[in-house]
Structures are given as C-alpha cells and as structure tokens.
Amino acid sequence: MTQELIDLRNSILQGNYADALAIIDELEGMSKQAILRNIESFLKILLIHLIKNQIEQRLTNYWMASIRNSIREIQKINLKENKRSYYVNYDEWENLIEEEVIEDAIADASIEIMNGKYTRSQLSEILDRKPIMSTAMTNGTEVIIKFYSIV
C-alpha cells in the first residue's frame, strides 16, 4: 500500500489525474478486501462454535463469549462509515457463508469436536447445515438470546 500512496502522490503532482483516480480505485478495492477478510475470519469463528454446539449438544462459557464477540465484531466491521450501508448486505450472507467460510469452519471444527473424533468429511456428512446457516444469518441479538436459552 505504501507504493500505491507514493504513486498516487506522484500522479497528483504530475497532474495525471486519470492515473490518480485509478490508484484510488485500487486502494478502495484493497480496503474492501481487507474488511471482507476480517468479516470472514470472525464469521468462521462463529460457525466453528455453532458447529461444535450442534454436534456436542453443549455450550461452554468460552464458546458463548466467542460467539458474542464474533457477532459484535462482524456487526461493527460490516457497517460502513456512512452508518447506513453495509459491506455484506443481508441477501449476500448465505452466499458468503456457503462459498467462502463453511468448509474451512467444518475442517477446523472437526479437529476440536470430541478431540478430533470426526474427519472433515465425516463431520460434513452428519452436520445439519440449515440451522447453522439460519443462526449465523440471524440478527446478532437473536443469536445471543437463543444461546442463553440453551445454557
């Protein structure tokens, strides 16, 4: 990113505004990608704990704290600076989870569940994805209330 800023400064100083705008577009894209990676990271943590909860039929205080933290962070990161729009819109969550996050979450959860009792593929077969997806896409407050009722 440092090189992009140097190039941006040089383009502006040289009066080459078309190149400067192209660099700005590139920087905006890099920023959005970083934000989406951050959201995906917290979403993966959330999914791991939801998966563990479903398979092990229990919920530890640590898992609850991690779920709560992941939800808060996702909500904060996802809200754009204008406070009116989001990086990931409501209708995009399912696609993001299915295409970018769920398989990694299953792989990581398989290591943790019952001390690695299931392989990734075994866990993938026995996992009921619908409630996991539904819970992950629900408003964070509702998720926390739902989990407190389990405890």
N, C-alpha and C. Protein backbone atom coordinates (compact mmCIF):
# COMPACT_ATOMS: atom_id res chain seq x y z
N MET A 1 0.82 -1.19 0.00
CA MET A 1 0.00 0.00 0.00
C MET A 1 0.87 1.25 0.00
N THR A 2 2.04 1.18 0.58
CA THR A 2 2.93 2.32 0.60
C THR A 2 3.30 2.75 -0.82
N GLN A 3 3.59 1.78 -1.68
CA GLN A 3 3.94 2.10 -3.06
C GLN A 3 2.78 2.78 -3.78
N GLU A 4 1.56 2.31 -3.50
CA GLU A 4 0.37 2.92 -4.12
C GLU A 4 0.23 4.38 -3.69
N LEU A 5 0.51 4.68 -2.42
CA LEU A 5 0.43 6.06 -1.95
C LEU A 5 1.50 6.93 -2.59
N ILE A 6 2.70 6.39 -2.76
CA ILE A 6 3.78 7.13 -3.45
C ILE A 6 3.37 7.41 -4.89
N ASP A 7 2.85 6.38 -5.56
CA ASP A 7 2.39 6.54 -6.94
C ASP A 7 1.26 7.56 -7.03
N LEU A 8 0.35 7.52 -6.07
CA LEU A 8 -0.77 8.48 -6.04
C LEU A 8 -0.24 9.90 -5.91
N ARG A 9 0.67 10.11 -4.98
CA ARG A 9 1.25 11.45 -4.79
C ARG A 9 1.93 11.93 -6.08
N ASN A 10 2.73 11.06 -6.69
CA ASN A 10 3.43 11.44 -7.93
C ASN A 10 2.45 11.75 -9.05
N SER A 11 1.40 10.96 -9.16
CA SER A 11 0.40 11.20 -10.22
C SER A 11 -0.28 12.55 -10.02
N ILE A 12 -0.59 12.87 -8.77
CA ILE A 12 -1.23 14.16 -8.49
C ILE A 12 -0.26 15.31 -8.78
N LEU A 13 0.97 15.17 -8.31
CA LEU A 13 1.95 16.22 -8.54
C LEU A 13 2.23 16.45 -10.02
N GLN A 14 2.14 15.37 -10.82
CA GLN A 14 2.37 15.48 -12.26
C GLN A 14 1.10 15.89 -13.00
N GLY A 15 0.01 16.03 -12.27
CA GLY A 15 -1.25 16.41 -12.91
C GLY A 15 -1.89 15.27 -13.68
N ASN A 16 -1.49 14.06 -13.45
CA ASN A 16 -2.04 12.89 -14.13
C ASN A 16 -3.20 12.34 -13.29
N TYR A 17 -4.35 13.02 -13.40
CA TYR A 17 -5.49 12.71 -12.54
C TYR A 17 -6.17 11.40 -12.90
N ALA A 18 -6.08 10.99 -14.13
CA ALA A 18 -6.68 9.70 -14.51
C ALA A 18 -5.95 8.56 -13.80
N ASP A 19 -4.63 8.62 -13.77
CA ASP A 19 -3.86 7.60 -13.05
C ASP A 19 -4.12 7.68 -11.55
N ALA A 20 -4.24 8.91 -11.04
CA ALA A 20 -4.51 9.09 -9.61
C ALA A 20 -5.84 8.46 -9.23
N LEU A 21 -6.86 8.66 -10.06
CA LEU A 21 -8.17 8.07 -9.78
C LEU A 21 -8.12 6.54 -9.87
N ALA A 22 -7.35 6.04 -10.80
CA ALA A 22 -7.19 4.58 -10.92
C ALA A 22 -6.53 4.01 -9.66
N ILE A 23 -5.55 4.72 -9.14
CA ILE A 23 -4.88 4.27 -7.92
C ILE A 23 -5.84 4.33 -6.73
N ILE A 24 -6.65 5.38 -6.67
CA ILE A 24 -7.65 5.49 -5.61
C ILE A 24 -8.63 4.32 -5.68
N ASP A 25 -9.06 3.98 -6.87
CA ASP A 25 -9.97 2.83 -7.04
C ASP A 25 -9.30 1.54 -6.55
N GLU A 26 -8.02 1.39 -6.87
CA GLU A 26 -7.27 0.21 -6.44
C GLU A 26 -7.17 0.16 -4.90
N LEU A 27 -6.91 1.32 -4.29
CA LEU A 27 -6.81 1.39 -2.83
C LEU A 27 -8.16 1.08 -2.18
N GLU A 28 -9.24 1.57 -2.77
CA GLU A 28 -10.58 1.27 -2.24
C GLU A 28 -10.86 -0.23 -2.31
N GLY A 29 -10.47 -0.84 -3.42
CA GLY A 29 -10.66 -2.29 -3.57
C GLY A 29 -9.86 -3.07 -2.55
N MET A 30 -8.62 -2.64 -2.32
CA MET A 30 -7.77 -3.31 -1.32
C MET A 30 -8.38 -3.17 0.07
N SER A 31 -8.92 -2.02 0.37
CA SER A 31 -9.53 -1.78 1.67
C SER A 31 -10.76 -2.66 1.86
N LYS A 32 -11.60 -2.74 0.84
CA LYS A 32 -12.80 -3.57 0.93
C LYS A 32 -12.43 -5.04 1.09
N GLN A 33 -11.41 -5.50 0.37
CA GLN A 33 -10.98 -6.89 0.50
C GLN A 33 -10.48 -7.18 1.91
N ALA A 34 -9.77 -6.24 2.50
CA ALA A 34 -9.28 -6.43 3.87
C ALA A 34 -10.44 -6.51 4.85
N ILE A 35 -11.44 -5.68 4.65
CA ILE A 35 -12.62 -5.70 5.51
C ILE A 35 -13.36 -7.02 5.35
N LEU A 36 -13.54 -7.49 4.13
CA LEU A 36 -14.24 -8.76 3.89
C LEU A 36 -13.47 -9.93 4.50
N ARG A 37 -12.14 -9.92 4.41
CA ARG A 37 -11.34 -10.98 5.05
C ARG A 37 -11.53 -10.97 6.55
N ASN A 38 -11.61 -9.80 7.12
CA ASN A 38 -11.82 -9.66 8.56
C ASN A 38 -13.20 -10.20 8.96
N ILE A 39 -14.22 -9.86 8.20
CA ILE A 39 -15.56 -10.37 8.44
C ILE A 39 -15.56 -11.89 8.32
N GLU A 40 -14.93 -12.42 7.29
CA GLU A 40 -14.88 -13.87 7.09
C GLU A 40 -14.18 -14.56 8.25
N SER A 41 -13.16 -13.94 8.80
CA SER A 41 -12.44 -14.52 9.92
C SER A 41 -13.34 -14.66 11.15
N PHE A 42 -14.06 -13.59 11.49
CA PHE A 42 -14.98 -13.66 12.62
C PHE A 42 -16.16 -14.58 12.33
N LEU A 43 -16.60 -14.61 11.10
CA LEU A 43 -17.69 -15.50 10.71
C LEU A 43 -17.27 -16.96 10.85
N LYS A 44 -16.05 -17.25 10.51
CA LYS A 44 -15.53 -18.62 10.65
C LYS A 44 -15.50 -19.03 12.12
N ILE A 45 -15.06 -18.14 12.99
CA ILE A 45 -15.05 -18.43 14.42
C ILE A 45 -16.48 -18.69 14.91
N LEU A 46 -17.40 -17.86 14.50
CA LEU A 46 -18.80 -18.03 14.86
C LEU A 46 -19.31 -19.40 14.41
N LEU A 47 -19.04 -19.75 13.17
CA LEU A 47 -19.51 -21.02 12.62
C LEU A 47 -18.89 -22.22 13.33
N ILE A 48 -17.62 -22.13 13.66
CA ILE A 48 -16.96 -23.23 14.39
C ILE A 48 -17.70 -23.53 15.68
N HIS A 49 -18.04 -22.49 16.43
CA HIS A 49 -18.73 -22.69 17.71
C HIS A 49 -20.17 -23.16 17.51
N LEU A 50 -20.82 -22.69 16.46
CA LEU A 50 -22.18 -23.18 16.18
C LEU A 50 -22.14 -24.66 15.80
N ILE A 51 -21.15 -25.05 15.05
CA ILE A 51 -20.99 -26.45 14.66
C ILE A 51 -20.71 -27.31 15.89
N LYS A 52 -19.78 -26.87 16.71
CA LYS A 52 -19.44 -27.62 17.92
C LYS A 52 -20.67 -27.76 18.81
N ASN A 53 -21.44 -26.68 18.94
CA ASN A 53 -22.65 -26.71 19.76
C ASN A 53 -23.65 -27.74 19.23
N GLN A 54 -23.84 -27.77 17.91
CA GLN A 54 -24.79 -28.71 17.33
C GLN A 54 -24.34 -30.16 17.53
N ILE A 55 -23.10 -30.46 17.29
CA ILE A 55 -22.62 -31.84 17.35
C ILE A 55 -22.47 -32.32 18.79
N GLU A 56 -21.90 -31.49 19.65
CA GLU A 56 -21.65 -31.92 21.02
C GLU A 56 -22.84 -31.69 21.94
N GLN A 57 -23.85 -30.95 21.46
CA GLN A 57 -25.05 -30.67 22.25
C GLN A 57 -24.72 -30.04 23.61
N ARG A 58 -23.78 -29.12 23.57
CA ARG A 58 -23.42 -28.37 24.78
C ARG A 58 -22.87 -27.02 24.36
N LEU A 59 -22.77 -26.13 25.33
CA LEU A 59 -22.26 -24.80 25.06
C LEU A 59 -21.46 -24.34 26.27
N THR A 60 -20.16 -24.16 26.10
CA THR A 60 -19.32 -23.70 27.20
C THR A 60 -19.38 -22.18 27.30
N ASN A 61 -18.96 -21.67 28.44
CA ASN A 61 -18.90 -20.22 28.61
C ASN A 61 -17.94 -19.59 27.61
N TYR A 62 -16.84 -20.27 27.32
CA TYR A 62 -15.87 -19.76 26.35
C TYR A 62 -16.51 -19.66 24.97
N TRP A 63 -17.23 -20.71 24.56
CA TRP A 63 -17.88 -20.67 23.25
C TRP A 63 -18.87 -19.52 23.19
N MET A 64 -19.65 -19.35 24.27
CA MET A 64 -20.64 -18.27 24.30
C MET A 64 -19.96 -16.91 24.17
N ALA A 65 -18.88 -16.72 24.89
CA ALA A 65 -18.14 -15.45 24.81
C ALA A 65 -17.59 -15.24 23.41
N SER A 66 -17.09 -16.30 22.80
CA SER A 66 -16.54 -16.20 21.46
C SER A 66 -17.63 -15.90 20.43
N ILE A 67 -18.78 -16.52 20.60
CA ILE A 67 -19.92 -16.25 19.72
C ILE A 67 -20.33 -14.79 19.84
N ARG A 68 -20.49 -14.33 21.07
CA ARG A 68 -20.90 -12.95 21.32
C ARG A 68 -19.88 -11.97 20.73
N ASN A 69 -18.59 -12.23 20.94
CA ASN A 69 -17.54 -11.36 20.41
C ASN A 69 -17.55 -11.35 18.88
N SER A 70 -17.69 -12.53 18.28
CA SER A 70 -17.71 -12.61 16.81
C SER A 70 -18.87 -11.82 16.23
N ILE A 71 -20.04 -11.95 16.85
CA ILE A 71 -21.22 -11.21 16.38
C ILE A 71 -20.99 -9.71 16.47
N ARG A 72 -20.48 -9.27 17.61
CA ARG A 72 -20.22 -7.82 17.79
C ARG A 72 -19.23 -7.31 16.75
N GLU A 73 -18.15 -8.04 16.57
CA GLU A 73 -17.12 -7.60 15.62
C GLU A 73 -17.65 -7.58 14.19
N ILE A 74 -18.40 -8.60 13.81
CA ILE A 74 -18.98 -8.63 12.47
C ILE A 74 -19.90 -7.43 12.27
N GLN A 75 -20.73 -7.15 13.26
CA GLN A 75 -21.65 -6.01 13.15
C GLN A 75 -20.88 -4.70 13.02
N LYS A 76 -19.81 -4.53 13.80
CA LYS A 76 -19.02 -3.29 13.74
C LYS A 76 -18.30 -3.16 12.41
N ILE A 77 -17.63 -4.21 12.00
CA ILE A 77 -16.82 -4.16 10.78
C ILE A 77 -17.70 -4.01 9.54
N ASN A 78 -18.86 -4.66 9.54
CA ASN A 78 -19.71 -4.68 8.36
C ASN A 78 -20.38 -3.33 8.08
N LEU A 79 -20.55 -2.51 9.09
CA LEU A 79 -21.21 -1.22 8.91
C LEU A 79 -20.23 -0.21 8.31
N LYS A 80 -20.59 0.33 7.16
CA LYS A 80 -19.72 1.31 6.50
C LYS A 80 -19.70 2.62 7.29
N GLU A 81 -18.73 3.47 6.97
CA GLU A 81 -18.55 4.73 7.69
C GLU A 81 -19.77 5.62 7.65
N ASN A 82 -20.57 5.52 6.60
CA ASN A 82 -21.77 6.36 6.49
C ASN A 82 -22.86 5.91 7.45
N LYS A 83 -22.67 4.77 8.12
CA LYS A 83 -23.60 4.21 9.11
C LYS A 83 -24.97 3.86 8.51
N ARG A 84 -25.07 3.80 7.19
CA ARG A 84 -26.34 3.48 6.54
C ARG A 84 -26.25 2.29 5.60
N SER A 85 -25.06 1.86 5.27
CA SER A 85 -24.93 0.74 4.35
C SER A 85 -23.89 -0.23 4.88
N TYR A 86 -23.84 -1.40 4.25
CA TYR A 86 -23.02 -2.49 4.75
C TYR A 86 -22.10 -3.02 3.65
N TYR A 87 -20.99 -3.61 4.07
CA TYR A 87 -20.10 -4.26 3.12
C TYR A 87 -20.72 -5.57 2.63
N VAL A 88 -21.37 -6.30 3.55
CA VAL A 88 -22.08 -7.52 3.19
C VAL A 88 -23.55 -7.25 3.49
N ASN A 89 -24.38 -7.22 2.46
CA ASN A 89 -25.79 -6.97 2.64
C ASN A 89 -26.51 -8.25 3.06
N TYR A 90 -27.71 -8.09 3.60
CA TYR A 90 -28.47 -9.21 4.12
C TYR A 90 -28.59 -10.37 3.12
N ASP A 91 -28.85 -10.04 1.87
CA ASP A 91 -29.06 -11.09 0.86
C ASP A 91 -27.76 -11.73 0.37
N GLU A 92 -26.62 -11.28 0.88
CA GLU A 92 -25.32 -11.82 0.47
C GLU A 92 -24.71 -12.79 1.50
N TRP A 93 -25.28 -12.83 2.71
CA TRP A 93 -24.69 -13.64 3.78
C TRP A 93 -24.65 -15.13 3.44
N GLU A 94 -25.76 -15.64 2.95
CA GLU A 94 -25.82 -17.08 2.66
C GLU A 94 -24.74 -17.48 1.66
N ASN A 95 -24.61 -16.71 0.61
CA ASN A 95 -23.60 -16.98 -0.40
C ASN A 95 -22.19 -16.90 0.18
N LEU A 96 -21.93 -15.88 0.99
CA LEU A 96 -20.62 -15.72 1.62
C LEU A 96 -20.29 -16.93 2.49
N ILE A 97 -21.26 -17.35 3.29
CA ILE A 97 -21.03 -18.49 4.19
C ILE A 97 -20.78 -19.75 3.39
N GLU A 98 -21.65 -20.03 2.42
CA GLU A 98 -21.55 -21.27 1.66
C GLU A 98 -20.30 -21.33 0.78
N GLU A 99 -19.94 -20.23 0.17
CA GLU A 99 -18.85 -20.25 -0.80
C GLU A 99 -17.48 -19.95 -0.19
N GLU A 100 -17.45 -19.21 0.90
CA GLU A 100 -16.16 -18.75 1.40
C GLU A 100 -15.76 -19.28 2.77
N VAL A 101 -16.73 -19.66 3.61
CA VAL A 101 -16.38 -19.86 5.01
C VAL A 101 -16.72 -21.25 5.56
N ILE A 102 -17.84 -21.82 5.20
CA ILE A 102 -18.34 -23.00 5.90
C ILE A 102 -17.39 -24.19 5.84
N GLU A 103 -16.77 -24.44 4.71
CA GLU A 103 -15.89 -25.61 4.60
C GLU A 103 -14.66 -25.48 5.49
N ASP A 104 -14.10 -24.27 5.58
CA ASP A 104 -12.97 -24.05 6.48
C ASP A 104 -13.40 -24.21 7.93
N ALA A 105 -14.61 -23.73 8.25
CA ALA A 105 -15.12 -23.86 9.62
C ALA A 105 -15.32 -25.33 9.98
N ILE A 106 -15.85 -26.11 9.04
CA ILE A 106 -16.05 -27.54 9.28
C ILE A 106 -14.70 -28.23 9.51
N ALA A 107 -13.73 -27.90 8.68
CA ALA A 107 -12.40 -28.50 8.82
C ALA A 107 -11.79 -28.19 10.19
N ASP A 108 -11.88 -26.94 10.61
CA ASP A 108 -11.31 -26.55 11.90
C ASP A 108 -12.12 -27.15 13.06
N ALA A 109 -13.44 -27.18 12.93
CA ALA A 109 -14.28 -27.75 13.99
C ALA A 109 -14.03 -29.25 14.14
N SER A 110 -13.74 -29.93 13.04
CA SER A 110 -13.51 -31.38 13.12
C SER A 110 -12.32 -31.71 14.01
N ILE A 111 -11.37 -30.84 14.08
CA ILE A 111 -10.20 -31.04 14.94
C ILE A 111 -10.58 -30.89 16.41
N GLU A 112 -11.52 -29.98 16.69
CA GLU A 112 -11.88 -29.67 18.07
C GLU A 112 -12.98 -30.56 18.63
N ILE A 113 -13.92 -30.98 17.82
CA ILE A 113 -15.08 -31.72 18.31
C ILE A 113 -14.65 -33.09 18.81
N MET A 114 -14.97 -33.33 20.08
CA MET A 114 -14.69 -34.62 20.72
C MET A 114 -13.27 -35.08 20.46
N ASN A 115 -12.35 -34.15 20.59
CA ASN A 115 -10.92 -34.42 20.40
C ASN A 115 -10.60 -35.03 19.04
N GLY A 116 -11.23 -34.53 18.00
CA GLY A 116 -10.93 -34.97 16.65
C GLY A 116 -11.58 -36.29 16.26
N LYS A 117 -12.68 -36.60 16.88
CA LYS A 117 -13.37 -37.88 16.62
C LYS A 117 -13.78 -38.02 15.16
N TYR A 118 -14.15 -36.91 14.53
CA TYR A 118 -14.64 -36.94 13.15
C TYR A 118 -13.64 -36.29 12.20
N THR A 119 -13.51 -36.86 11.01
CA THR A 119 -12.75 -36.20 9.96
C THR A 119 -13.61 -35.08 9.40
N ARG A 120 -12.99 -34.24 8.60
CA ARG A 120 -13.74 -33.15 7.99
C ARG A 120 -14.91 -33.69 7.18
N SER A 121 -14.67 -34.72 6.39
CA SER A 121 -15.75 -35.27 5.55
C SER A 121 -16.83 -35.94 6.38
N GLN A 122 -16.46 -36.63 7.46
CA GLN A 122 -17.47 -37.25 8.32
C GLN A 122 -18.33 -36.18 8.98
N LEU A 123 -17.69 -35.14 9.48
CA LEU A 123 -18.42 -34.06 10.12
C LEU A 123 -19.34 -33.37 9.12
N SER A 124 -18.85 -33.18 7.92
CA SER A 124 -19.65 -32.55 6.88
C SER A 124 -20.91 -33.35 6.59
N GLU A 125 -20.80 -34.67 6.65
CA GLU A 125 -21.96 -35.54 6.38
C GLU A 125 -23.00 -35.51 7.49
N ILE A 126 -22.56 -35.47 8.75
CA ILE A 126 -23.52 -35.54 9.85
C ILE A 126 -24.06 -34.17 10.26
N LEU A 127 -23.42 -33.11 9.81
CA LEU A 127 -23.82 -31.76 10.18
C LEU A 127 -25.11 -31.36 9.48
N ASP A 128 -26.04 -30.82 10.24
CA ASP A 128 -27.26 -30.26 9.67
C ASP A 128 -26.98 -28.77 9.42
N ARG A 129 -26.71 -28.44 8.18
CA ARG A 129 -26.26 -27.08 7.85
C ARG A 129 -27.37 -26.03 7.97
N LYS A 130 -28.61 -26.43 7.75
CA LYS A 130 -29.68 -25.43 7.74
C LYS A 130 -29.76 -24.62 9.03
N PRO A 131 -29.80 -25.28 10.21
CA PRO A 131 -29.87 -24.45 11.43
C PRO A 131 -28.60 -23.63 11.66
N ILE A 132 -27.46 -24.17 11.24
CA ILE A 132 -26.21 -23.41 11.37
C ILE A 132 -26.29 -22.15 10.51
N MET A 133 -26.70 -22.32 9.27
CA MET A 133 -26.82 -21.18 8.35
C MET A 133 -27.85 -20.18 8.87
N SER A 134 -28.97 -20.67 9.31
CA SER A 134 -30.04 -19.81 9.80
C SER A 134 -29.57 -19.00 11.00
N THR A 135 -28.90 -19.66 11.94
CA THR A 135 -28.42 -18.97 13.13
C THR A 135 -27.34 -17.96 12.77
N ALA A 136 -26.44 -18.33 11.89
CA ALA A 136 -25.35 -17.42 11.50
C ALA A 136 -25.87 -16.19 10.77
N MET A 137 -26.99 -16.33 10.08
CA MET A 137 -27.51 -15.19 9.31
C MET A 137 -28.52 -14.37 10.07
N THR A 138 -28.87 -14.79 11.29
CA THR A 138 -29.84 -14.09 12.10
C THR A 138 -29.21 -12.89 12.76
N ASN A 139 -30.03 -11.94 13.11
CA ASN A 139 -29.57 -10.76 13.84
C ASN A 139 -28.80 -11.21 15.07
N GLY A 140 -27.68 -10.59 15.35
CA GLY A 140 -26.81 -10.98 16.46
C GLY A 140 -27.51 -11.04 17.80
N THR A 141 -28.41 -10.13 18.08
CA THR A 141 -29.11 -10.12 19.35
C THR A 141 -29.94 -11.39 19.50
N GLU A 142 -30.62 -11.78 18.44
CA GLU A 142 -31.43 -13.00 18.49
C GLU A 142 -30.55 -14.23 18.69
N VAL A 143 -29.39 -14.24 18.09
CA VAL A 143 -28.47 -15.37 18.26
C VAL A 143 -28.07 -15.50 19.73
N ILE A 144 -27.71 -14.40 20.35
CA ILE A 144 -27.29 -14.43 21.74
C ILE A 144 -28.45 -14.88 22.64
N ILE A 145 -29.64 -14.36 22.41
CA ILE A 145 -30.81 -14.78 23.20
C ILE A 145 -31.04 -16.28 23.03
N LYS A 146 -30.96 -16.76 21.81
CA LYS A 146 -31.15 -18.19 21.53
C LYS A 146 -30.14 -19.03 22.31
N PHE A 147 -28.90 -18.61 22.35
CA PHE A 147 -27.89 -19.38 23.03
C PHE A 147 -28.02 -19.30 24.53
N TYR A 148 -28.46 -18.17 25.07
CA TYR A 148 -28.67 -18.10 26.51
C TYR A 148 -29.80 -19.04 26.93
N SER A 149 -30.76 -19.27 26.06
CA SER A 149 -31.84 -20.19 26.40
C SER A 149 -31.36 -21.64 26.40
N ILE A 150 -30.26 -21.93 25.69
CA ILE A 150 -29.69 -23.27 25.67
C ILE A 150 -28.94 -23.56 26.96
N VAL A 151 -28.24 -22.54 27.46
CA VAL A 151 -27.36 -22.72 28.63
C VAL A 151 -28.18 -23.04 29.87
